[in-house]
Amino acid sequence: MSFVDYDKRDAIGCVTLNRPERLNAISTRLAGDLHEALFQATNDPDIRVIVLGGNGRAFCAGDDLKEFGLQTADDAATVRHIQAIQRITRDLMFCDKLVVGAVHGFAVGGGFEWMLNCDLVVASDDLVAFFPELEWGQFPTGGVTHLLPQALGHQLATEFLVLGDRQSAAALHARGLVNWVVEPGAVRSKALEIAAKAAAKSPFSLSRLKRLMTRGISPDLGRALDLEEEVTIESFKTTEARLRSANFPVKG
């Protein structure tokens, strides 16, 4: 059984995290399954737009702390896990397909980061998004050390990452990080509506627009991803991360 569902709707590739019993928390396997689904959608010439969402009560509750022992079983396991997470950002941002996020419930840590990697975001008004990594003794990933200062400015980005305060859909919309806020049950339908409108545009122009808008930031973003990977791997090896991760459950 895959932790990610993939289906096609005409020119739209629907990629859906499917680990609802764990709020779609990120395991190495989930990240691998997500990469495979995104690879399939990206390399399908019939697909013009990807919709990324999550089944169950959450989009993605971040790294699965119950698997922290497996993720840090040895150096190879840690490297494999962090690289799998960072690869998703590359999949989302460096592909030629427009990506529409359909985000509801929790978008925590890596889930928040993957939301920010989408080109357009539809969020439900029950969204709760925050960065708990510094509380866990870990480090943010997803290129946000580069993307957030660009989007919010240095001070506000630092506030988001250091304090880890919970952000609502309305607050993120006001700051330009979410495009549309809808009722919880309407997230997927609204995302599909937006995706269909985008897919109706010129496929050549749409793909080149994505490519050119990403190309300007790709060198710096790629470097940020590499540096985040190094620091996150280092943080996973600390005693502090083990102790803090074991005592930081995600609460509603």
C-alpha atoms as a PDB file:
ATOM      1  CA  MET A   1       0.000   0.000   0.000  1.00  0.00           C
ATOM      2  CA  SER A   2       1.315   3.416  -0.979  1.00  0.00           C
ATOM      3  CA  PHE A   3       1.208   6.376   1.379  1.00  0.00           C
ATOM      4  CA  VAL A   4       0.413   8.626  -1.606  1.00  0.00           C
ATOM      5  CA  ASP A   5      -2.483   8.347  -4.055  1.00  0.00           C
ATOM      6  CA  TYR A   6      -2.197   9.511  -7.643  1.00  0.00           C
ATOM      7  CA  ASP A   7      -4.958   9.907 -10.188  1.00  0.00           C
ATOM      8  CA  LYS A   8      -5.513  11.903 -13.359  1.00  0.00           C
ATOM      9  CA  ARG A   9      -8.397  14.207 -14.149  1.00  0.00           C
ATOM     10  CA  ASP A  10      -7.909  15.241 -17.759  1.00  0.00           C
ATOM     11  CA  ALA A  11      -4.875  17.555 -17.662  1.00  0.00           C
ATOM     12  CA  ILE A  12      -4.703  17.598 -13.841  1.00  0.00           C
ATOM     13  CA  GLY A  13      -2.596  15.193 -11.811  1.00  0.00           C
ATOM     14  CA  CYS A  14      -3.999  14.746  -8.294  1.00  0.00           C
ATOM     15  CA  VAL A  15      -1.309  13.790  -5.767  1.00  0.00           C
ATOM     16  CA  THR A  16      -2.718  13.071  -2.311  1.00  0.00           C
ATOM     17  CA  LEU A  17      -0.903  12.146   0.894  1.00  0.00           C
ATOM     18  CA  ASN A  18      -2.649   9.071   2.255  1.00  0.00           C
ATOM     19  CA  ARG A  19      -1.523   8.286   5.766  1.00  0.00           C
ATOM     20  CA  PRO A  20      -4.537   9.704   7.606  1.00  0.00           C
ATOM     21  CA  GLU A  21      -4.089   7.658  10.774  1.00  0.00           C
ATOM     22  CA  ARG A  22      -0.838   9.602  11.365  1.00  0.00           C
ATOM     23  CA  LEU A  23      -2.172  12.929  10.013  1.00  0.00           C
ATOM     24  CA  ASN A  24      -0.015  12.297   6.911  1.00  0.00           C
ATOM     25  CA  ALA A  25       3.136  12.698   9.003  1.00  0.00           C
ATOM     26  CA  ILE A  26       6.342  12.374   7.018  1.00  0.00           C
ATOM     27  CA  SER A  27       8.122   9.049   7.114  1.00  0.00           C
ATOM     28  CA  THR A  28      10.941   8.103   4.763  1.00  0.00           C
ATOM     29  CA  ARG A  29       8.492   5.861   2.938  1.00  0.00           C
ATOM     30  CA  LEU A  30       5.884   8.603   2.538  1.00  0.00           C
ATOM     31  CA  ALA A  31       8.519  10.957   1.123  1.00  0.00           C
ATOM     32  CA  GLY A  32       9.605   8.240  -1.284  1.00  0.00           C
ATOM     33  CA  ASP A  33       6.054   7.525  -2.390  1.00  0.00           C
ATOM     34  CA  LEU A  34       5.422  11.251  -2.863  1.00  0.00           C
ATOM     35  CA  HIS A  35       8.525  11.578  -5.013  1.00  0.00           C
ATOM     36  CA  GLU A  36       7.347   8.712  -7.210  1.00  0.00           C
ATOM     37  CA  ALA A  37       3.886  10.256  -7.634  1.00  0.00           C
ATOM     38  CA  LEU A  38       5.309  13.678  -8.460  1.00  0.00           C
ATOM     39  CA  PHE A  39       7.767  12.103 -10.898  1.00  0.00           C
ATOM     40  CA  GLN A  40       4.906  10.329 -12.624  1.00  0.00           C
ATOM     41  CA  ALA A  41       2.844  13.515 -12.891  1.00  0.00           C
ATOM     42  CA  THR A  42       5.793  15.643 -13.994  1.00  0.00           C
ATOM     43  CA  ASN A  43       6.776  13.253 -16.770  1.00  0.00           C
ATOM     44  CA  ASP A  44       3.250  12.735 -18.114  1.00  0.00           C
ATOM     45  CA  PRO A  45       2.897  14.956 -21.211  1.00  0.00           C
ATOM     46  CA  ASP A  46      -0.887  15.060 -20.717  1.00  0.00           C
ATOM     47  CA  ILE A  47      -0.572  16.640 -17.259  1.00  0.00           C
ATOM     48  CA  ARG A  48      -0.312  20.416 -17.104  1.00  0.00           C
ATOM     49  CA  VAL A  49      -1.156  21.113 -13.452  1.00  0.00           C
ATOM     50  CA  ILE A  50      -0.591  19.134 -10.251  1.00  0.00           C
ATOM     51  CA  VAL A  51      -2.921  19.376  -7.244  1.00  0.00           C
ATOM     52  CA  LEU A  52      -1.231  18.401  -3.965  1.00  0.00           C
ATOM     53  CA  GLY A  53      -3.455  17.573  -0.984  1.00  0.00           C
ATOM     54  CA  GLY A  54      -3.897  15.232   1.959  1.00  0.00           C
ATOM     55  CA  ASN A  55      -6.510  12.689   3.026  1.00  0.00           C
ATOM     56  CA  GLY A  56      -8.110  12.725   6.461  1.00  0.00           C
ATOM     57  CA  ARG A  57      -8.021  15.509   9.050  1.00  0.00           C
ATOM     58  CA  ALA A  58      -4.751  17.126   7.988  1.00  0.00           C
ATOM     59  CA  PHE A  59      -2.627  18.055   5.023  1.00  0.00           C
ATOM     60  CA  CYS A  60       0.606  16.998   6.732  1.00  0.00           C
ATOM     61  CA  ALA A  61       1.578  17.055  10.416  1.00  0.00           C
ATOM     62  CA  GLY A  62       5.308  17.240   9.734  1.00  0.00           C
ATOM     63  CA  ASP A  63       7.989  14.718  10.538  1.00  0.00           C
ATOM     64  CA  ASP A  64       6.709  11.541  12.190  1.00  0.00           C
ATOM     65  CA  LEU A  65       8.284  11.743  15.627  1.00  0.00           C
ATOM     66  CA  LYS A  66       7.261   8.160  16.376  1.00  0.00           C
ATOM     67  CA  GLU A  67       9.715   7.101  13.670  1.00  0.00           C
ATOM     68  CA  PHE A  68      12.546   9.299  14.911  1.00  0.00           C
ATOM     69  CA  GLY A  69      14.385   6.216  16.173  1.00  0.00           C
ATOM     70  CA  LEU A  70      14.238   4.642  12.716  1.00  0.00           C
ATOM     71  CA  GLN A  71      15.261   7.908  11.054  1.00  0.00           C
ATOM     72  CA  THR A  72      18.340   8.097  13.287  1.00  0.00           C
ATOM     73  CA  ALA A  73      19.153   4.374  13.478  1.00  0.00           C
ATOM     74  CA  ASP A  74      22.477   5.116  11.767  1.00  0.00           C
ATOM     75  CA  ASP A  75      24.059   7.882   9.726  1.00  0.00           C
ATOM     76  CA  ALA A  76      22.863   6.369   6.448  1.00  0.00           C
ATOM     77  CA  ALA A  77      19.241   6.291   7.636  1.00  0.00           C
ATOM     78  CA  THR A  78      19.388   9.935   8.723  1.00  0.00           C
ATOM     79  CA  VAL A  79      20.925  11.093   5.458  1.00  0.00           C
ATOM     80  CA  ARG A  80      18.421   9.065   3.452  1.00  0.00           C
ATOM     81  CA  HIS A  81      15.459  10.547   5.346  1.00  0.00           C
ATOM     82  CA  ILE A  82      16.540  14.199   5.103  1.00  0.00           C
ATOM     83  CA  GLN A  83      17.505  13.892   1.460  1.00  0.00           C
ATOM     84  CA  ALA A  84      14.103  12.349   0.715  1.00  0.00           C
ATOM     85  CA  ILE A  85      12.392  15.356   2.308  1.00  0.00           C
ATOM     86  CA  GLN A  86      14.521  17.920   0.454  1.00  0.00           C
ATOM     87  CA  ARG A  87      13.997  16.082  -2.814  1.00  0.00           C
ATOM     88  CA  ILE A  88      10.273  16.864  -2.597  1.00  0.00           C
ATOM     89  CA  THR A  89      10.967  20.599  -2.634  1.00  0.00           C
ATOM     90  CA  ARG A  90      13.067  20.131  -5.745  1.00  0.00           C
ATOM     91  CA  ASP A  91      10.271  18.058  -7.285  1.00  0.00           C
ATOM     92  CA  LEU A  92       7.683  20.732  -6.563  1.00  0.00           C
ATOM     93  CA  MET A  93       9.645  23.851  -7.405  1.00  0.00           C
ATOM     94  CA  PHE A  94      11.984  22.778 -10.195  1.00  0.00           C
ATOM     95  CA  CYS A  95       9.447  20.918 -12.327  1.00  0.00           C
ATOM     96  CA  ASP A  96       7.691  22.514 -15.325  1.00  0.00           C
ATOM     97  CA  LYS A  97       4.197  21.819 -13.968  1.00  0.00           C
ATOM     98  CA  LEU A  98       2.196  24.355 -11.995  1.00  0.00           C
ATOM     99  CA  VAL A  99       1.475  23.005  -8.501  1.00  0.00           C
ATOM    100  CA  VAL A 100      -1.712  23.946  -6.632  1.00  0.00           C
ATOM    101  CA  GLY A 101      -1.748  23.143  -2.922  1.00  0.00           C
ATOM    102  CA  ALA A 102      -5.055  22.012  -1.378  1.00  0.00           C
ATOM    103  CA  VAL A 103      -4.284  22.427   2.302  1.00  0.00           C
ATOM    104  CA  HIS A 104      -6.462  21.816   5.347  1.00  0.00           C
ATOM    105  CA  GLY A 105      -6.139  20.991   9.022  1.00  0.00           C
ATOM    106  CA  PHE A 106      -2.519  20.792  10.148  1.00  0.00           C
ATOM    107  CA  ALA A 107       0.385  21.910   7.949  1.00  0.00           C
ATOM    108  CA  VAL A 108       3.254  21.525  10.380  1.00  0.00           C
ATOM    109  CA  GLY A 109       7.012  21.666   9.855  1.00  0.00           C
ATOM    110  CA  GLY A 110       7.700  19.831   6.616  1.00  0.00           C
ATOM    111  CA  GLY A 111       4.000  20.018   5.768  1.00  0.00           C
ATOM    112  CA  PHE A 112       4.074  23.819   6.067  1.00  0.00           C
ATOM    113  CA  GLU A 113       7.247  23.867   4.013  1.00  0.00           C
ATOM    114  CA  TRP A 114       5.719  21.760   1.238  1.00  0.00           C
ATOM    115  CA  MET A 115       2.702  24.077   1.226  1.00  0.00           C
ATOM    116  CA  LEU A 116       5.046  27.029   0.688  1.00  0.00           C
ATOM    117  CA  ASN A 117       6.710  25.148  -2.185  1.00  0.00           C
ATOM    118  CA  CYS A 118       3.422  25.167  -4.137  1.00  0.00           C
ATOM    119  CA  ASP A 119       2.866  27.805  -6.816  1.00  0.00           C
ATOM    120  CA  LEU A 120      -0.710  28.514  -5.709  1.00  0.00           C
ATOM    121  CA  VAL A 121      -2.392  27.574  -2.424  1.00  0.00           C
ATOM    122  CA  VAL A 122      -6.029  26.972  -1.524  1.00  0.00           C
ATOM    123  CA  ALA A 123      -6.409  26.689   2.258  1.00  0.00           C
ATOM    124  CA  SER A 124      -9.322  25.782   4.475  1.00  0.00           C
ATOM    125  CA  ASP A 125     -10.285  28.170   7.236  1.00  0.00           C
ATOM    126  CA  ASP A 126      -9.396  25.475   9.786  1.00  0.00           C
ATOM    127  CA  LEU A 127      -5.743  25.516   8.717  1.00  0.00           C
ATOM    128  CA  VAL A 128      -3.149  25.519  11.504  1.00  0.00           C
ATOM    129  CA  ALA A 129       0.388  26.006  10.209  1.00  0.00           C
ATOM    130  CA  PHE A 130       3.608  26.436  12.153  1.00  0.00           C
ATOM    131  CA  PHE A 131       7.306  25.557  12.335  1.00  0.00           C
ATOM    132  CA  PRO A 132       8.116  23.440  15.428  1.00  0.00           C
ATOM    133  CA  GLU A 133      11.617  22.421  14.379  1.00  0.00           C
ATOM    134  CA  LEU A 134      13.512  24.672  16.786  1.00  0.00           C
ATOM    135  CA  GLU A 135      11.271  23.443  19.601  1.00  0.00           C
ATOM    136  CA  TRP A 136      12.139  19.866  18.586  1.00  0.00           C
ATOM    137  CA  GLY A 137      15.868  20.599  18.520  1.00  0.00           C
ATOM    138  CA  GLN A 138      15.823  20.102  14.754  1.00  0.00           C
ATOM    139  CA  PHE A 139      16.058  22.472  11.768  1.00  0.00           C
ATOM    140  CA  PRO A 140      13.644  23.701   9.069  1.00  0.00           C
ATOM    141  CA  THR A 141      13.839  22.232   5.588  1.00  0.00           C
ATOM    142  CA  GLY A 142      12.044  22.831   2.287  1.00  0.00           C
ATOM    143  CA  GLY A 143      14.179  25.824   1.332  1.00  0.00           C
ATOM    144  CA  VAL A 144      12.288  28.083   3.753  1.00  0.00           C
ATOM    145  CA  THR A 145      15.489  29.678   5.051  1.00  0.00           C
ATOM    146  CA  HIS A 146      15.682  31.247   1.583  1.00  0.00           C
ATOM    147  CA  LEU A 147      12.013  31.465   0.557  1.00  0.00           C
ATOM    148  CA  LEU A 148      10.517  32.962   3.721  1.00  0.00           C
ATOM    149  CA  PRO A 149      12.837  35.998   3.992  1.00  0.00           C
ATOM    150  CA  GLN A 150      12.058  36.750   0.342  1.00  0.00           C
ATOM    151  CA  ALA A 151       8.316  36.498   0.934  1.00  0.00           C
ATOM    152  CA  LEU A 152       8.045  38.112   4.376  1.00  0.00           C
ATOM    153  CA  GLY A 153      11.251  40.014   5.036  1.00  0.00           C
ATOM    154  CA  HIS A 154      14.029  39.041   7.428  1.00  0.00           C
ATOM    155  CA  GLN A 155      12.361  39.950  10.722  1.00  0.00           C
ATOM    156  CA  LEU A 156       8.990  38.318  10.116  1.00  0.00           C
ATOM    157  CA  ALA A 157      10.578  35.196   8.634  1.00  0.00           C
ATOM    158  CA  THR A 158      12.760  34.932  11.727  1.00  0.00           C
ATOM    159  CA  GLU A 159       9.662  35.288  13.916  1.00  0.00           C
ATOM    160  CA  PHE A 160       7.910  32.460  12.068  1.00  0.00           C
ATOM    161  CA  LEU A 161      10.899  30.120  12.310  1.00  0.00           C
ATOM    162  CA  VAL A 162      12.129  30.909  15.825  1.00  0.00           C
ATOM    163  CA  LEU A 163       8.902  31.383  17.764  1.00  0.00           C
ATOM    164  CA  GLY A 164       6.913  28.789  15.844  1.00  0.00           C
ATOM    165  CA  ASP A 165       3.590  30.512  16.537  1.00  0.00           C
ATOM    166  CA  ARG A 166       0.545  28.901  14.984  1.00  0.00           C
ATOM    167  CA  GLN A 167      -0.681  30.663  11.863  1.00  0.00           C
ATOM    168  CA  SER A 168      -4.259  30.657  10.589  1.00  0.00           C
ATOM    169  CA  ALA A 169      -5.325  30.593   6.963  1.00  0.00           C
ATOM    170  CA  ALA A 170      -6.557  34.176   7.292  1.00  0.00           C
ATOM    171  CA  ALA A 171      -3.209  35.376   8.652  1.00  0.00           C
ATOM    172  CA  LEU A 172      -1.280  33.591   5.903  1.00  0.00           C
ATOM    173  CA  HIS A 173      -3.645  34.988   3.282  1.00  0.00           C
ATOM    174  CA  ALA A 174      -3.051  38.507   4.593  1.00  0.00           C
ATOM    175  CA  ARG A 175       0.708  37.966   4.234  1.00  0.00           C
ATOM    176  CA  GLY A 176       0.457  36.606   0.697  1.00  0.00           C
ATOM    177  CA  LEU A 177       1.346  32.994   1.504  1.00  0.00           C
ATOM    178  CA  VAL A 178      -2.146  31.661   0.700  1.00  0.00           C
ATOM    179  CA  ASN A 179      -4.188  32.619  -2.370  1.00  0.00           C
ATOM    180  CA  TRP A 180      -7.698  31.502  -1.390  1.00  0.00           C
ATOM    181  CA  VAL A 181      -9.374  30.626   1.923  1.00  0.00           C
ATOM    182  CA  VAL A 182     -12.456  28.408   1.756  1.00  0.00           C
ATOM    183  CA  GLU A 183     -14.596  26.271   4.041  1.00  0.00           C
ATOM    184  CA  PRO A 184     -12.938  22.958   5.016  1.00  0.00           C
ATOM    185  CA  GLY A 185     -15.117  20.821   2.777  1.00  0.00           C
ATOM    186  CA  ALA A 186     -14.454  22.987  -0.284  1.00  0.00           C
ATOM    187  CA  VAL A 187     -10.653  22.843  -0.433  1.00  0.00           C
ATOM    188  CA  ARG A 188     -10.298  20.086  -3.009  1.00  0.00           C
ATOM    189  CA  SER A 189     -13.085  21.332  -5.280  1.00  0.00           C
ATOM    190  CA  LYS A 190     -11.674  24.873  -5.241  1.00  0.00           C
ATOM    191  CA  ALA A 191      -8.165  23.592  -5.961  1.00  0.00           C
ATOM    192  CA  LEU A 192      -9.469  21.549  -8.888  1.00  0.00           C
ATOM    193  CA  GLU A 193     -11.360  24.584 -10.173  1.00  0.00           C
ATOM    194  CA  ILE A 194      -8.189  26.700 -10.087  1.00  0.00           C
ATOM    195  CA  ALA A 195      -6.161  23.876 -11.628  1.00  0.00           C
ATOM    196  CA  ALA A 196      -8.664  23.510 -14.479  1.00  0.00           C
ATOM    197  CA  LYS A 197      -8.465  27.237 -15.214  1.00  0.00           C
ATOM    198  CA  ALA A 198      -4.682  27.082 -15.279  1.00  0.00           C
ATOM    199  CA  ALA A 199      -4.658  23.918 -17.398  1.00  0.00           C
ATOM    200  CA  ALA A 200      -6.769  25.693 -20.024  1.00  0.00           C
ATOM    201  CA  LYS A 201      -3.929  28.138 -20.681  1.00  0.00           C
ATOM    202  CA  SER A 202      -1.269  27.538 -23.303  1.00  0.00           C
ATOM    203  CA  PRO A 203       0.705  24.478 -22.149  1.00  0.00           C
ATOM    204  CA  PHE A 204       3.872  25.885 -23.700  1.00  0.00           C
ATOM    205  CA  SER A 205       3.508  29.259 -21.982  1.00  0.00           C
ATOM    206  CA  LEU A 206       2.438  27.735 -18.669  1.00  0.00           C
ATOM    207  CA  SER A 207       5.440  25.424 -18.476  1.00  0.00           C
ATOM    208  CA  ARG A 208       7.875  28.136 -19.552  1.00  0.00           C
ATOM    209  CA  LEU A 209       6.425  30.577 -17.025  1.00  0.00           C
ATOM    210  CA  LYS A 210       7.019  28.088 -14.220  1.00  0.00           C
ATOM    211  CA  ARG A 211      10.508  27.382 -15.499  1.00  0.00           C
ATOM    212  CA  LEU A 212      11.503  31.044 -15.793  1.00  0.00           C
ATOM    213  CA  MET A 213      10.006  32.094 -12.457  1.00  0.00           C
ATOM    214  CA  THR A 214      11.945  29.318 -10.759  1.00  0.00           C
ATOM    215  CA  ARG A 215      15.181  29.744 -12.686  1.00  0.00           C
ATOM    216  CA  GLY A 216      15.893  33.114 -11.115  1.00  0.00           C
ATOM    217  CA  ILE A 217      15.880  31.665  -7.607  1.00  0.00           C
ATOM    218  CA  SER A 218      17.114  28.144  -8.324  1.00  0.00           C
ATOM    219  CA  PRO A 219      20.852  28.674  -7.605  1.00  0.00           C
ATOM    220  CA  ASP A 220      20.224  30.285  -4.215  1.00  0.00           C
ATOM    221  CA  LEU A 221      17.364  27.921  -3.391  1.00  0.00           C
ATOM    222  CA  GLY A 222      19.460  24.904  -4.320  1.00  0.00           C
ATOM    223  CA  ARG A 223      22.248  26.146  -2.073  1.00  0.00           C
ATOM    224  CA  ALA A 224      19.772  26.729   0.777  1.00  0.00           C
ATOM    225  CA  LEU A 225      18.438  23.194   0.390  1.00  0.00           C
ATOM    226  CA  ASP A 226      21.959  21.785   0.579  1.00  0.00           C
ATOM    227  CA  LEU A 227      22.797  23.822   3.693  1.00  0.00           C
ATOM    228  CA  GLU A 228      19.500  22.941   5.385  1.00  0.00           C
ATOM    229  CA  GLU A 229      20.199  19.291   4.653  1.00  0.00           C
ATOM    230  CA  GLU A 230      23.628  19.491   6.293  1.00  0.00           C
ATOM    231  CA  VAL A 231      22.355  21.241   9.428  1.00  0.00           C
ATOM    232  CA  THR A 232      19.261  19.044   9.757  1.00  0.00           C
ATOM    233  CA  ILE A 233      21.340  15.870   9.517  1.00  0.00           C
ATOM    234  CA  GLU A 234      23.632  17.294  12.190  1.00  0.00           C
ATOM    235  CA  SER A 235      20.680  18.221  14.405  1.00  0.00           C
ATOM    236  CA  PHE A 236      19.160  14.734  14.135  1.00  0.00           C
ATOM    237  CA  LYS A 237      22.308  13.322  15.718  1.00  0.00           C
ATOM    238  CA  THR A 238      22.095  15.445  18.864  1.00  0.00           C
ATOM    239  CA  THR A 239      20.853  14.195  22.208  1.00  0.00           C
ATOM    240  CA  GLU A 240      18.713  17.330  22.468  1.00  0.00           C
ATOM    241  CA  ALA A 241      16.763  16.433  19.336  1.00  0.00           C
ATOM    242  CA  ARG A 242      16.082  12.942  20.663  1.00  0.00           C
ATOM    243  CA  LEU A 243      14.809  14.252  23.988  1.00  0.00           C
ATOM    244  CA  ARG A 244      12.761  17.131  22.609  1.00  0.00           C
ATOM    245  CA  SER A 245      11.233  15.116  19.767  1.00  0.00           C
ATOM    246  CA  ALA A 246      10.087  12.465  22.211  1.00  0.00           C
ATOM    247  CA  ASN A 247       8.176  15.048  24.242  1.00  0.00           C
ATOM    248  CA  PHE A 248       6.574  17.259  21.611  1.00  0.00           C
ATOM    249  CA  PRO A 249       3.291  15.794  20.380  1.00  0.00           C
ATOM    250  CA  VAL A 250       1.248  17.692  17.798  1.00  0.00           C
ATOM    251  CA  LYS A 251      -1.975  18.837  19.471  1.00  0.00           C
ATOM    252  CA  GLY A 252      -5.179  20.190  18.026  1.00  0.00           C
END
